[in-house]
Amino acid sequence: MSPSSASAPGVDTDAGRRARRPWTPRRIALAWGAAAFLATAALSSGPGISREEASVLAEAGAGPAGAGPTRLRPPLPAALSRVTEAVAVRVGLPHLVGYRLAPALCTGLLAALLALLAAAVAGAPAAVIAPALVLFAPRLLHPLLQAGPAAPGAALAVATVFAYRRAVLARARAARLAAAAAAGVLFGLALAVQLEALALLAAFVLHAGFLALRRSVRPADPEPGPVPGEVPTVRPHPRSAWTALAAMLVLGPLLAVALWPGLWADPVGRLRDALLAIPGDAPAASLGAPLAVTVLALPASLVVAFAGGLAHALARLLARTTDARERQDRLLLVVAAVAPLAAAQAGLVPRGPGPGPWLASFPFLAALAAQAAVAAGRALWPAHARPIRLALAAVAIAPGLTGAIHAWPDLGASWGELAGGAPGAASRGLPRHHGEVSPLLLREIAARARTGARVRWAATPPAALAVLAADGRVRPDLALAASLDECDIAVVPVSGGPRQDEFQIWAALRTRSPVAGVFLDEVPLAWVYARPGAWR
């Protein structure tokens, strides 16, 4: 034995091994969680307040009395934002940052859980790659920065899938029951964040059914013999999957109702009304619309990465050499990724101008894409798999990161290359934004509006104005115009649809020339019109 391979007396070889390999999956997850939280908290004051976020802020107590929600919504997003805002204001942070600290915390949790899930199914390299695929795309980062159900819903979806997977693979009965109970509790929390989490049940039913069918078709699947010094392979069992499903069906609704005081008077009737009100007044989605919006909104490199991850997973599912554990992992990620998209197609999620309503799909697509990148590095150049993986990840991530920097702070106006960017999306009649007032426009108004001017904030919810005014982003001397006839300045979001409101403002202010505007790649997102003398 050479001196380099021998262990000196009294030396802890395990400690030396850990020192040589510091980046374990847990450490990667902790690093991603801390980095994601700090980054989203630091960026939280940037984007404007969308109509969807304003409704959550109204539930959290922002805005004048009577500006609250018009329909029954799950309570946890507003409750979390209310708590973080109360704490943040006490330490001197702006109100908007305080409300958005809740999604920042949930984004950190999402990144950490996604890293752990990716490491569990594909190893530590996948844990490094997967969170970046979600966090560095402008249209996926945008809902994660805003108060609402997107960030906590995605984090709880990943947590529920992780707990379900542990229940399916648990060896001991006690561990299986504990993991099933955890899945039930997490599913209840997910329902208290957004009712769209019901789509997870369909995914788990498909997964458990597949395990049962495979066991019935191939009951004599050979077990590999034990290898000395190695932990035997854990094989999934359908009984464990049905146990976890039963826990979710029992514990989930009970916990959701317990956390939702609005349901206590009539749980069944009010829950039915809340489910029916999810799509809102928007028209039904055409066939394939959620998938088309996803393809057009995301960078092309990310679309290719997600499609490649799905294709690789399906190929491995059909391969005869795939063992039972790998097969169940890949199927679980596939059904968890497809379920929110299918729910969006069926009209079971709120309809919005981008992929935010089915954000819960993307962590699982990212895990599949990271898994495919790891396999590609191993197949293309086994001796140098690490640089191949990093190169593939960089190619997938870089366009989204540069796109987010370019579009900042108007991330909701960004569209991918397949849509032709913001100009191509505008020519196709796609929504230009989420109804928010750009922070760039707020600064312009604060600098140039006449003292005491009366402003008409077209389509801006009262809760959004209240939070912006409390943070000093709307000058206190500017009055709120009650009608077009008495306004001096009018802020008009450009939606790309009919322009009747803009025509009325032209007539009221007797001008067709805007004094200011916000643009992304020369596409107008909002205009400001002013009476003569109201703009300096």
Protein backbone atom coordinates (compact mmCIF):
# COMPACT_ATOMS: atom_id res chain seq x y z
CA MET A 1 0.00 0.00 0.00
CA SER A 2 1.37 3.40 -0.95
CA PRO A 3 1.84 6.06 1.73
CA SER A 4 -0.75 8.27 0.04
CA SER A 5 -3.45 5.61 0.38
CA ALA A 6 -2.64 4.57 3.91
CA SER A 7 -4.44 6.10 6.86
CA ALA A 8 -2.31 7.52 9.62
CA PRO A 9 -3.13 6.28 13.13
CA GLY A 10 -5.77 8.40 14.84
CA VAL A 11 -6.86 10.15 11.64
CA ASP A 12 -10.63 10.32 11.03
CA THR A 13 -10.91 9.06 7.47
CA ASP A 14 -14.65 9.94 7.30
CA ALA A 15 -13.85 13.54 8.26
CA GLY A 16 -11.14 13.66 5.61
CA ARG A 17 -13.57 12.30 3.02
CA ARG A 18 -16.13 14.95 3.96
CA ALA A 19 -13.46 17.65 3.71
CA ARG A 20 -12.59 16.49 0.18
CA ARG A 21 -16.29 16.48 -0.82
CA PRO A 22 -17.84 19.51 0.91
CA TRP A 23 -20.78 19.94 -1.47
CA THR A 24 -23.19 17.30 -0.27
CA PRO A 25 -26.84 17.56 -1.40
CA ARG A 26 -27.83 19.09 1.94
CA ARG A 27 -25.20 21.79 1.67
CA ILE A 28 -26.16 22.49 -1.93
CA ALA A 29 -29.81 22.81 -0.84
CA LEU A 30 -28.92 25.15 2.02
CA ALA A 31 -26.78 27.29 -0.28
CA TRP A 32 -29.54 27.50 -2.89
CA GLY A 33 -32.18 28.27 -0.27
CA ALA A 34 -30.17 31.09 1.31
CA ALA A 35 -29.14 32.55 -2.06
CA ALA A 36 -32.69 32.43 -3.46
CA PHE A 37 -34.17 34.09 -0.38
CA LEU A 38 -31.57 36.86 -0.23
CA ALA A 39 -31.77 37.53 -3.96
CA THR A 40 -35.58 37.68 -4.16
CA ALA A 41 -35.76 39.78 -0.98
CA ALA A 42 -33.24 42.24 -2.44
CA LEU A 43 -35.16 42.42 -5.74
CA SER A 44 -38.64 42.54 -4.21
CA SER A 45 -39.07 46.32 -4.48
CA GLY A 46 -38.47 46.31 -8.24
CA PRO A 47 -41.52 44.98 -10.14
CA GLY A 48 -44.83 46.82 -10.12
CA ILE A 49 -47.96 45.54 -8.40
CA SER A 50 -50.11 43.44 -10.72
CA ARG A 51 -53.88 43.11 -10.42
CA GLU A 52 -53.50 39.59 -9.01
CA GLU A 53 -51.04 40.75 -6.37
CA ALA A 54 -53.24 43.74 -5.49
CA SER A 55 -56.08 41.37 -4.59
CA VAL A 56 -53.77 39.56 -2.15
CA LEU A 57 -52.61 42.88 -0.68
CA ALA A 58 -56.25 43.87 -0.18
CA GLU A 59 -56.87 40.63 1.72
CA ALA A 60 -53.77 41.36 3.80
CA GLY A 61 -55.23 44.70 4.90
CA ALA A 62 -53.74 47.12 2.39
CA GLY A 63 -55.95 49.75 0.79
CA PRO A 64 -59.09 51.53 1.90
CA ALA A 65 -61.95 49.79 3.68
CA GLY A 66 -64.11 47.81 1.31
CA ALA A 67 -61.26 47.15 -1.13
CA GLY A 68 -60.97 43.52 -0.08
CA PRO A 69 -61.59 40.41 -2.18
CA THR A 70 -64.84 39.90 -4.02
CA ARG A 71 -64.64 36.09 -3.94
CA LEU A 72 -63.58 33.47 -1.46
CA ARG A 73 -59.87 32.69 -1.68
CA PRO A 74 -57.53 30.42 0.31
CA PRO A 75 -56.23 32.48 3.24
CA LEU A 76 -52.57 31.54 3.69
CA PRO A 77 -50.92 33.81 1.04
CA ALA A 78 -52.48 36.96 2.49
CA ALA A 79 -51.87 35.80 6.07
CA LEU A 80 -48.18 35.15 5.38
CA SER A 81 -47.76 38.55 3.72
CA ARG A 82 -49.58 40.27 6.58
CA VAL A 83 -47.18 38.74 9.12
CA THR A 84 -43.99 39.55 7.21
CA GLU A 85 -45.18 43.10 6.49
CA ALA A 86 -45.85 43.74 10.18
CA VAL A 87 -42.35 42.53 11.08
CA ALA A 88 -40.62 44.34 8.21
CA VAL A 89 -42.20 47.73 8.91
CA ARG A 90 -41.01 47.56 12.52
CA VAL A 91 -37.40 47.28 11.37
CA GLY A 92 -37.77 50.10 8.84
CA LEU A 93 -38.33 48.22 5.59
CA PRO A 94 -40.84 49.51 3.00
CA HIS A 95 -44.38 48.14 3.11
CA LEU A 96 -44.14 46.55 -0.34
CA VAL A 97 -40.90 44.76 0.58
CA GLY A 98 -42.56 43.56 3.77
CA TYR A 99 -45.51 42.07 1.90
CA ARG A 100 -43.12 40.41 -0.53
CA LEU A 101 -40.85 38.91 2.12
CA ALA A 102 -43.34 36.03 2.42
CA PRO A 103 -42.86 34.90 -1.22
CA ALA A 104 -39.11 35.50 -0.83
CA LEU A 105 -39.02 33.05 2.08
CA CYS A 106 -41.11 30.57 0.08
CA THR A 107 -38.81 30.98 -2.93
CA GLY A 108 -35.84 30.11 -0.75
CA LEU A 109 -37.71 27.06 0.50
CA LEU A 110 -38.64 26.13 -3.07
CA ALA A 111 -35.00 26.31 -4.22
CA ALA A 112 -33.80 24.19 -1.30
CA LEU A 113 -36.50 21.54 -1.71
CA LEU A 114 -35.98 21.38 -5.46
CA ALA A 115 -32.27 20.86 -4.94
CA LEU A 116 -32.98 18.01 -2.50
CA LEU A 117 -35.51 16.41 -4.86
CA ALA A 118 -33.14 16.66 -7.84
CA ALA A 119 -30.31 15.19 -5.78
CA ALA A 120 -32.54 12.31 -4.64
CA VAL A 121 -33.41 11.31 -8.20
CA ALA A 122 -30.24 12.21 -10.10
CA GLY A 123 -27.42 13.08 -7.67
CA ALA A 124 -25.66 16.23 -6.48
CA PRO A 125 -24.92 17.67 -9.97
CA ALA A 126 -28.66 17.84 -10.69
CA ALA A 127 -29.18 19.64 -7.38
CA VAL A 128 -26.85 22.40 -8.59
CA ILE A 129 -28.61 22.79 -11.95
CA ALA A 130 -32.33 22.40 -11.25
CA PRO A 131 -33.08 25.53 -9.14
CA ALA A 132 -31.30 27.80 -11.62
CA LEU A 133 -33.62 26.64 -14.43
CA VAL A 134 -36.59 28.03 -12.50
CA LEU A 135 -35.10 31.15 -10.90
CA PHE A 136 -33.32 32.64 -13.92
CA ALA A 137 -36.26 32.88 -16.36
CA PRO A 138 -38.02 36.30 -16.34
CA ARG A 139 -41.59 34.98 -16.58
CA LEU A 140 -40.95 32.42 -13.82
CA LEU A 141 -39.09 34.86 -11.56
CA HIS A 142 -41.87 37.47 -11.88
CA PRO A 143 -44.57 35.57 -9.90
CA LEU A 144 -41.97 34.46 -7.35
CA LEU A 145 -41.24 38.11 -6.52
CA GLN A 146 -44.88 39.05 -5.95
CA ALA A 147 -47.14 38.47 -2.98
CA GLY A 148 -49.60 35.71 -3.77
CA PRO A 149 -49.99 31.95 -4.01
CA ALA A 150 -47.36 31.28 -6.70
CA ALA A 151 -44.23 30.93 -4.55
CA PRO A 152 -45.77 29.14 -1.54
CA GLY A 153 -47.87 26.95 -3.85
CA ALA A 154 -44.83 25.80 -5.85
CA ALA A 155 -42.79 25.20 -2.68
CA LEU A 156 -45.55 23.14 -1.08
CA ALA A 157 -46.09 21.16 -4.29
CA VAL A 158 -42.41 20.13 -4.27
CA ALA A 159 -42.57 19.39 -0.53
CA THR A 160 -45.68 17.21 -0.97
CA VAL A 161 -44.12 15.25 -3.83
CA PHE A 162 -40.94 14.79 -1.79
CA ALA A 163 -42.90 13.45 1.21
CA TYR A 164 -45.00 11.17 -1.02
CA ARG A 165 -41.83 9.78 -2.60
CA ARG A 166 -40.36 9.06 0.83
CA ALA A 167 -43.54 7.25 1.83
CA VAL A 168 -43.40 5.10 -1.32
CA LEU A 169 -39.76 4.15 -0.76
CA ALA A 170 -39.77 3.82 3.05
CA ARG A 171 -38.56 0.45 4.33
CA ALA A 172 -40.03 0.39 7.83
CA ARG A 173 -43.75 0.65 8.51
CA ALA A 174 -43.25 3.48 11.02
CA ALA A 175 -41.21 5.50 8.53
CA ARG A 176 -43.82 4.89 5.83
CA LEU A 177 -46.67 6.08 8.05
CA ALA A 178 -44.70 9.14 9.18
CA ALA A 179 -43.92 10.13 5.58
CA ALA A 180 -47.55 9.56 4.56
CA ALA A 181 -48.76 11.77 7.42
CA ALA A 182 -46.26 14.45 6.39
CA ALA A 183 -47.58 14.26 2.81
CA GLY A 184 -51.14 14.70 4.12
CA VAL A 185 -50.22 17.75 6.21
CA LEU A 186 -48.26 19.34 3.38
CA PHE A 187 -51.12 18.72 0.98
CA GLY A 188 -53.50 20.44 3.41
CA LEU A 189 -51.20 23.46 3.57
CA ALA A 190 -51.03 23.50 -0.23
CA LEU A 191 -54.85 23.57 -0.41
CA ALA A 192 -54.88 26.47 2.07
CA VAL A 193 -52.61 28.34 -0.35
CA GLN A 194 -54.36 27.53 -3.63
CA LEU A 195 -57.11 25.11 -4.55
CA GLU A 196 -55.23 24.26 -7.74
CA ALA A 197 -53.17 21.89 -5.56
CA LEU A 198 -55.99 19.39 -6.11
CA ALA A 199 -54.23 18.56 -9.38
CA LEU A 200 -51.54 16.81 -7.31
CA LEU A 201 -54.07 14.20 -6.25
CA ALA A 202 -54.64 13.20 -9.86
CA ALA A 203 -50.87 12.90 -10.34
CA PHE A 204 -50.49 10.69 -7.29
CA VAL A 205 -53.44 8.50 -8.31
CA LEU A 206 -51.83 7.93 -11.71
CA HIS A 207 -48.51 7.12 -10.08
CA ALA A 208 -50.00 4.70 -7.54
CA GLY A 209 -52.07 3.07 -10.27
CA PHE A 210 -48.96 2.56 -12.38
CA LEU A 211 -47.17 0.87 -9.48
CA ALA A 212 -50.12 -1.42 -8.87
CA LEU A 213 -50.48 -2.27 -12.58
CA ARG A 214 -46.80 -2.99 -12.98
CA ARG A 215 -46.81 -5.25 -9.94
CA SER A 216 -49.82 -7.18 -11.22
CA VAL A 217 -48.41 -7.54 -14.74
CA ARG A 218 -44.88 -8.44 -13.58
CA PRO A 219 -45.30 -10.09 -10.18
CA ALA A 220 -42.07 -12.08 -10.53
CA ASP A 221 -39.78 -9.13 -11.19
CA PRO A 222 -36.42 -10.44 -10.03
CA GLU A 223 -34.86 -8.83 -6.98
CA PRO A 224 -31.13 -8.13 -7.26
CA GLY A 225 -29.03 -10.10 -4.85
CA PRO A 226 -27.37 -8.29 -1.96
CA VAL A 227 -23.91 -6.90 -2.58
CA PRO A 228 -21.55 -6.93 0.41
CA GLY A 229 -20.99 -3.41 1.75
CA GLU A 230 -23.85 -1.85 -0.23
CA VAL A 231 -27.33 -0.81 0.86
CA PRO A 232 -29.94 -2.95 -0.91
CA THR A 233 -32.02 -1.20 -3.54
CA VAL A 234 -35.34 0.08 -2.20
CA ARG A 235 -38.22 -0.98 -4.43
CA PRO A 236 -41.46 1.02 -4.48
CA HIS A 237 -44.64 -0.72 -3.41
CA PRO A 238 -48.19 0.31 -4.41
CA ARG A 239 -49.45 -0.27 -0.86
CA SER A 240 -47.17 2.53 0.35
CA ALA A 241 -48.46 4.84 -2.39
CA TRP A 242 -52.10 4.16 -1.47
CA THR A 243 -51.26 4.79 2.20
CA ALA A 244 -49.87 8.21 1.34
CA LEU A 245 -52.89 8.95 -0.85
CA ALA A 246 -55.27 8.00 1.96
CA ALA A 247 -53.42 10.32 4.34
CA MET A 248 -53.74 13.18 1.86
CA LEU A 249 -57.45 12.54 1.31
CA VAL A 250 -58.11 12.56 5.05
CA LEU A 251 -55.63 15.03 6.52
CA GLY A 252 -55.48 17.44 3.59
CA PRO A 253 -59.11 18.66 3.53
CA LEU A 254 -59.33 18.66 7.35
CA LEU A 255 -56.28 20.89 7.70
CA ALA A 256 -57.34 23.16 4.82
CA VAL A 257 -60.77 23.74 6.35
CA ALA A 258 -59.22 24.30 9.80
CA LEU A 259 -56.96 27.02 8.35
CA TRP A 260 -59.74 28.63 6.27
CA PRO A 261 -62.24 30.44 8.55
CA GLY A 262 -64.32 31.51 5.57
CA LEU A 263 -65.43 27.89 5.10
CA TRP A 264 -66.49 27.17 8.66
CA ALA A 265 -70.11 28.28 8.30
CA ASP A 266 -70.80 26.05 5.28
CA PRO A 267 -67.68 24.04 4.30
CA VAL A 268 -69.16 22.08 1.40
CA GLY A 269 -71.17 24.92 -0.16
CA ARG A 270 -68.50 27.59 0.16
CA LEU A 271 -65.75 25.28 -1.05
CA ARG A 272 -67.88 24.49 -4.11
CA ASP A 273 -68.37 28.21 -4.76
CA ALA A 274 -64.63 28.85 -4.38
CA LEU A 275 -63.83 26.09 -6.89
CA LEU A 276 -66.34 27.41 -9.40
CA ALA A 277 -64.92 30.95 -9.07
CA ILE A 278 -61.32 29.94 -9.81
CA PRO A 279 -61.31 30.74 -13.56
CA GLY A 280 -62.95 34.13 -12.98
CA ASP A 281 -64.63 35.91 -15.87
CA ALA A 282 -61.95 35.10 -18.43
CA PRO A 283 -62.98 33.09 -21.51
CA ALA A 284 -62.21 29.40 -21.60
CA ALA A 285 -58.73 28.47 -22.77
CA SER A 286 -58.47 27.05 -26.26
CA LEU A 287 -57.00 23.59 -26.71
CA GLY A 288 -53.27 23.68 -26.04
CA ALA A 289 -53.29 27.31 -24.83
CA PRO A 290 -51.30 26.72 -21.57
CA LEU A 291 -48.63 24.82 -23.47
CA ALA A 292 -48.50 27.51 -26.18
CA VAL A 293 -48.19 30.30 -23.61
CA THR A 294 -45.38 28.39 -21.90
CA VAL A 295 -43.48 27.91 -25.15
CA LEU A 296 -43.89 31.57 -26.17
CA ALA A 297 -43.19 33.11 -22.76
CA LEU A 298 -40.00 31.22 -21.85
CA PRO A 299 -36.56 31.52 -23.47
CA ALA A 300 -36.16 29.04 -26.31
CA SER A 301 -33.18 27.38 -24.61
CA LEU A 302 -35.29 26.68 -21.54
CA VAL A 303 -38.12 25.27 -23.67
CA VAL A 304 -35.62 22.91 -25.30
CA ALA A 305 -34.21 21.92 -21.89
CA PHE A 306 -37.65 21.15 -20.47
CA ALA A 307 -38.71 19.26 -23.61
CA GLY A 308 -35.44 17.32 -23.55
CA GLY A 309 -35.96 16.42 -19.91
CA LEU A 310 -39.45 15.12 -20.63
CA ALA A 311 -38.31 13.16 -23.68
CA HIS A 312 -35.42 11.62 -21.76
CA ALA A 313 -37.71 10.63 -18.90
CA LEU A 314 -40.22 9.01 -21.25
CA ALA A 315 -37.44 7.14 -23.04
CA ARG A 316 -36.10 5.80 -19.76
CA LEU A 317 -39.62 4.79 -18.70
CA LEU A 318 -39.92 2.64 -21.83
CA ALA A 319 -36.40 1.19 -21.62
CA ARG A 320 -36.13 -2.39 -20.38
CA THR A 321 -32.89 -1.63 -18.52
CA THR A 322 -34.54 0.93 -16.21
CA ASP A 323 -34.90 -0.44 -12.69
CA ALA A 324 -38.06 -0.10 -10.62
CA ARG A 325 -36.87 2.78 -8.45
CA GLU A 326 -35.67 4.91 -11.36
CA ARG A 327 -38.88 4.19 -13.25
CA GLN A 328 -41.11 5.31 -10.38
CA ASP A 329 -39.01 8.45 -9.82
CA ARG A 330 -39.23 9.50 -13.44
CA LEU A 331 -42.95 8.77 -13.65
CA LEU A 332 -43.57 10.75 -10.46
CA LEU A 333 -41.78 13.81 -11.85
CA VAL A 334 -43.56 13.52 -15.20
CA VAL A 335 -47.08 13.32 -13.76
CA ALA A 336 -46.32 16.08 -11.22
CA ALA A 337 -45.11 18.33 -14.06
CA VAL A 338 -48.05 17.62 -16.36
CA ALA A 339 -50.81 17.86 -13.72
CA PRO A 340 -50.80 21.71 -13.31
CA LEU A 341 -50.71 22.16 -17.09
CA ALA A 342 -53.65 19.79 -17.47
CA ALA A 343 -55.52 21.66 -14.72
CA ALA A 344 -54.89 24.95 -16.55
CA GLN A 345 -56.23 23.44 -19.76
CA ALA A 346 -59.34 22.26 -17.90
CA GLY A 347 -59.94 25.75 -16.45
CA LEU A 348 -59.12 24.73 -12.87
CA VAL A 349 -56.53 27.48 -12.32
CA PRO A 350 -56.94 31.28 -12.50
CA ARG A 351 -56.35 32.53 -16.03
CA GLY A 352 -53.56 35.05 -16.41
CA PRO A 353 -51.39 36.62 -19.11
CA GLY A 354 -48.44 34.29 -18.57
CA PRO A 355 -47.36 30.90 -17.19
CA GLY A 356 -47.57 32.01 -13.55
CA PRO A 357 -50.89 30.22 -12.81
CA TRP A 358 -49.24 26.83 -13.48
CA LEU A 359 -45.87 27.73 -11.94
CA ALA A 360 -45.97 24.46 -9.94
CA SER A 361 -45.17 22.54 -13.15
CA PHE A 362 -41.76 24.09 -13.62
CA PRO A 363 -39.83 22.76 -10.61
CA PHE A 364 -40.54 19.21 -11.77
CA LEU A 365 -39.69 20.08 -15.38
CA ALA A 366 -36.44 21.58 -14.06
CA ALA A 367 -35.65 18.39 -12.14
CA LEU A 368 -36.23 16.33 -15.30
CA ALA A 369 -34.07 18.71 -17.36
CA ALA A 370 -31.27 18.54 -14.79
CA GLN A 371 -31.53 14.75 -14.78
CA ALA A 372 -31.20 14.73 -18.57
CA ALA A 373 -28.17 17.06 -18.43
CA VAL A 374 -26.45 14.75 -15.95
CA ALA A 375 -27.14 11.74 -18.17
CA ALA A 376 -25.96 13.62 -21.28
CA GLY A 377 -22.67 14.54 -19.64
CA ARG A 378 -22.12 10.93 -18.64
CA ALA A 379 -22.97 9.65 -22.14
CA LEU A 380 -21.12 12.25 -24.24
CA TRP A 381 -17.78 12.24 -22.43
CA PRO A 382 -17.63 10.00 -19.35
CA ALA A 383 -14.13 11.12 -18.37
CA HIS A 384 -15.16 14.80 -18.38
CA ALA A 385 -18.85 14.66 -17.53
CA ARG A 386 -18.75 17.64 -15.16
CA PRO A 387 -17.77 20.32 -17.74
CA ILE A 388 -20.28 18.89 -20.21
CA ARG A 389 -23.07 19.20 -17.64
CA LEU A 390 -22.05 22.74 -16.72
CA ALA A 391 -21.89 23.74 -20.39
CA LEU A 392 -25.37 22.34 -21.08
CA ALA A 393 -26.75 24.07 -17.99
CA ALA A 394 -25.14 27.38 -18.97
CA VAL A 395 -26.61 27.21 -22.47
CA ALA A 396 -30.08 26.62 -21.01
CA ILE A 397 -29.84 29.26 -18.27
CA ALA A 398 -27.92 32.17 -19.86
CA PRO A 399 -30.67 33.50 -22.19
CA GLY A 400 -33.16 33.67 -19.33
CA LEU A 401 -30.70 35.46 -17.06
CA THR A 402 -29.79 38.03 -19.70
CA GLY A 403 -33.47 38.44 -20.58
CA ALA A 404 -34.36 39.14 -16.95
CA ILE A 405 -31.60 41.76 -16.69
CA HIS A 406 -32.75 43.37 -19.94
CA ALA A 407 -36.45 43.49 -19.03
CA TRP A 408 -35.98 44.56 -15.39
CA PRO A 409 -38.16 45.72 -13.65
CA ASP A 410 -40.93 44.93 -16.16
CA LEU A 411 -40.43 41.15 -16.07
CA GLY A 412 -44.10 40.51 -16.81
CA ALA A 413 -43.66 42.13 -20.23
CA SER A 414 -40.90 39.75 -21.31
CA TRP A 415 -41.54 37.12 -23.99
CA GLY A 416 -39.26 34.45 -25.40
CA GLU A 417 -37.53 34.21 -28.76
CA LEU A 418 -40.21 31.91 -30.17
CA ALA A 419 -42.74 34.74 -29.70
CA GLY A 420 -40.35 37.25 -31.25
CA GLY A 421 -39.67 38.98 -27.93
CA ALA A 422 -41.86 41.83 -26.77
CA PRO A 423 -42.40 43.21 -30.31
CA GLY A 424 -43.41 39.83 -31.69
CA ALA A 425 -45.75 39.20 -28.77
CA ALA A 426 -47.39 42.61 -29.29
CA SER A 427 -47.91 41.89 -32.99
CA ARG A 428 -49.57 38.58 -32.06
CA GLY A 429 -51.95 40.35 -29.68
CA LEU A 430 -50.46 38.75 -26.58
CA PRO A 431 -50.79 40.62 -23.26
CA ARG A 432 -48.09 43.22 -22.76
CA HIS A 433 -48.04 43.10 -18.96
CA HIS A 434 -49.96 41.99 -15.87
CA GLY A 435 -51.75 45.29 -15.30
CA GLU A 436 -49.04 46.78 -13.11
CA VAL A 437 -47.84 50.40 -13.07
CA SER A 438 -44.15 50.39 -13.90
CA PRO A 439 -41.84 51.75 -11.17
CA LEU A 440 -40.07 53.71 -13.90
CA LEU A 441 -43.31 55.56 -14.61
CA LEU A 442 -43.88 56.25 -10.93
CA ARG A 443 -40.49 57.94 -10.69
CA GLU A 444 -41.26 60.05 -13.73
CA ILE A 445 -44.60 61.19 -12.30
CA ALA A 446 -43.05 61.98 -8.92
CA ALA A 447 -40.39 64.12 -10.59
CA ARG A 448 -42.51 66.05 -13.10
CA ALA A 449 -46.14 66.24 -12.00
CA ARG A 450 -47.35 69.70 -10.92
CA THR A 451 -47.87 70.20 -7.19
CA GLY A 452 -51.38 69.19 -6.19
CA ALA A 453 -52.18 67.64 -9.58
CA ARG A 454 -55.14 65.27 -9.72
CA VAL A 455 -54.14 61.91 -11.17
CA ARG A 456 -56.38 59.33 -12.81
CA TRP A 457 -54.84 55.87 -12.31
CA ALA A 458 -56.66 53.85 -14.94
CA ALA A 459 -57.04 50.14 -14.04
CA THR A 460 -54.78 50.47 -10.96
CA PRO A 461 -56.40 48.78 -7.93
CA PRO A 462 -56.84 50.84 -4.72
CA ALA A 463 -54.71 48.42 -2.68
CA ALA A 464 -51.76 48.90 -5.04
CA LEU A 465 -52.04 52.69 -4.81
CA ALA A 466 -52.29 52.52 -1.02
CA VAL A 467 -49.08 50.48 -0.68
CA LEU A 468 -47.19 52.67 -3.16
CA ALA A 469 -48.35 55.82 -1.37
CA ALA A 470 -47.38 54.41 2.03
CA ASP A 471 -43.87 53.78 0.71
CA GLY A 472 -43.59 57.32 -0.71
CA ARG A 473 -43.52 56.17 -4.33
CA VAL A 474 -46.61 58.26 -5.04
CA ARG A 475 -46.17 61.88 -3.95
CA PRO A 476 -48.46 62.77 -1.04
CA ASP A 477 -49.60 66.04 -2.64
CA LEU A 478 -50.98 64.27 -5.72
CA ALA A 479 -54.75 63.87 -5.41
CA LEU A 480 -56.82 60.98 -6.72
CA ALA A 481 -59.11 62.15 -9.51
CA ALA A 482 -62.67 60.92 -9.09
CA SER A 483 -63.48 61.19 -12.81
CA LEU A 484 -61.86 61.92 -16.14
CA ASP A 485 -63.40 65.38 -16.32
CA GLU A 486 -61.55 66.60 -13.22
CA CYS A 487 -58.19 64.86 -13.71
CA ASP A 488 -55.00 66.71 -14.65
CA ILE A 489 -52.86 63.63 -15.35
CA ALA A 490 -53.96 60.21 -16.56
CA VAL A 491 -51.91 56.98 -16.41
CA VAL A 492 -52.98 54.53 -19.11
CA PRO A 493 -51.62 50.95 -19.29
CA VAL A 494 -51.33 49.75 -22.89
CA SER A 495 -52.88 46.32 -23.03
CA GLY A 496 -52.87 45.77 -26.77
CA GLY A 497 -56.66 45.44 -26.80
CA PRO A 498 -59.41 48.00 -27.45
CA ARG A 499 -58.44 51.61 -26.66
CA GLN A 500 -61.78 53.11 -25.63
CA ASP A 501 -60.38 54.33 -22.29
CA GLU A 502 -57.52 56.05 -24.05
CA PHE A 503 -59.90 57.75 -26.49
CA GLN A 504 -61.93 59.08 -23.57
CA ILE A 505 -58.78 60.45 -21.94
CA TRP A 506 -57.86 62.23 -25.16
CA ALA A 507 -61.24 63.91 -25.19
CA ALA A 508 -61.14 64.83 -21.49
CA LEU A 509 -57.58 66.24 -21.51
CA ARG A 510 -57.82 67.63 -25.06
CA THR A 511 -54.56 66.08 -26.13
CA ARG A 512 -53.43 62.99 -27.99
CA SER A 513 -49.74 63.39 -27.21
CA PRO A 514 -48.39 61.51 -24.16
CA VAL A 515 -45.88 63.32 -21.97
CA ALA A 516 -44.16 60.13 -20.78
CA GLY A 517 -44.18 56.40 -21.38
CA VAL A 518 -42.57 53.10 -20.52
CA PHE A 519 -41.20 50.82 -23.22
CA LEU A 520 -39.63 47.40 -23.58
CA ASP A 521 -37.79 46.96 -26.87
CA GLU A 522 -39.73 49.97 -28.23
CA VAL A 523 -43.07 48.36 -27.34
CA PRO A 524 -45.16 50.82 -25.25
CA LEU A 525 -46.34 49.40 -21.94
CA ALA A 526 -47.99 52.51 -20.46
CA TRP A 527 -48.60 56.17 -21.33
CA VAL A 528 -48.99 59.32 -19.25
CA TYR A 529 -51.24 62.12 -20.56
CA ALA A 530 -51.43 65.57 -18.94
CA ARG A 531 -53.37 68.80 -19.31
CA PRO A 532 -51.34 71.84 -20.33
CA GLY A 533 -49.49 73.13 -17.27
CA ALA A 534 -49.88 69.93 -15.24
CA TRP A 535 -46.51 68.53 -16.35
CA ARG A 536 -43.20 70.23 -15.68
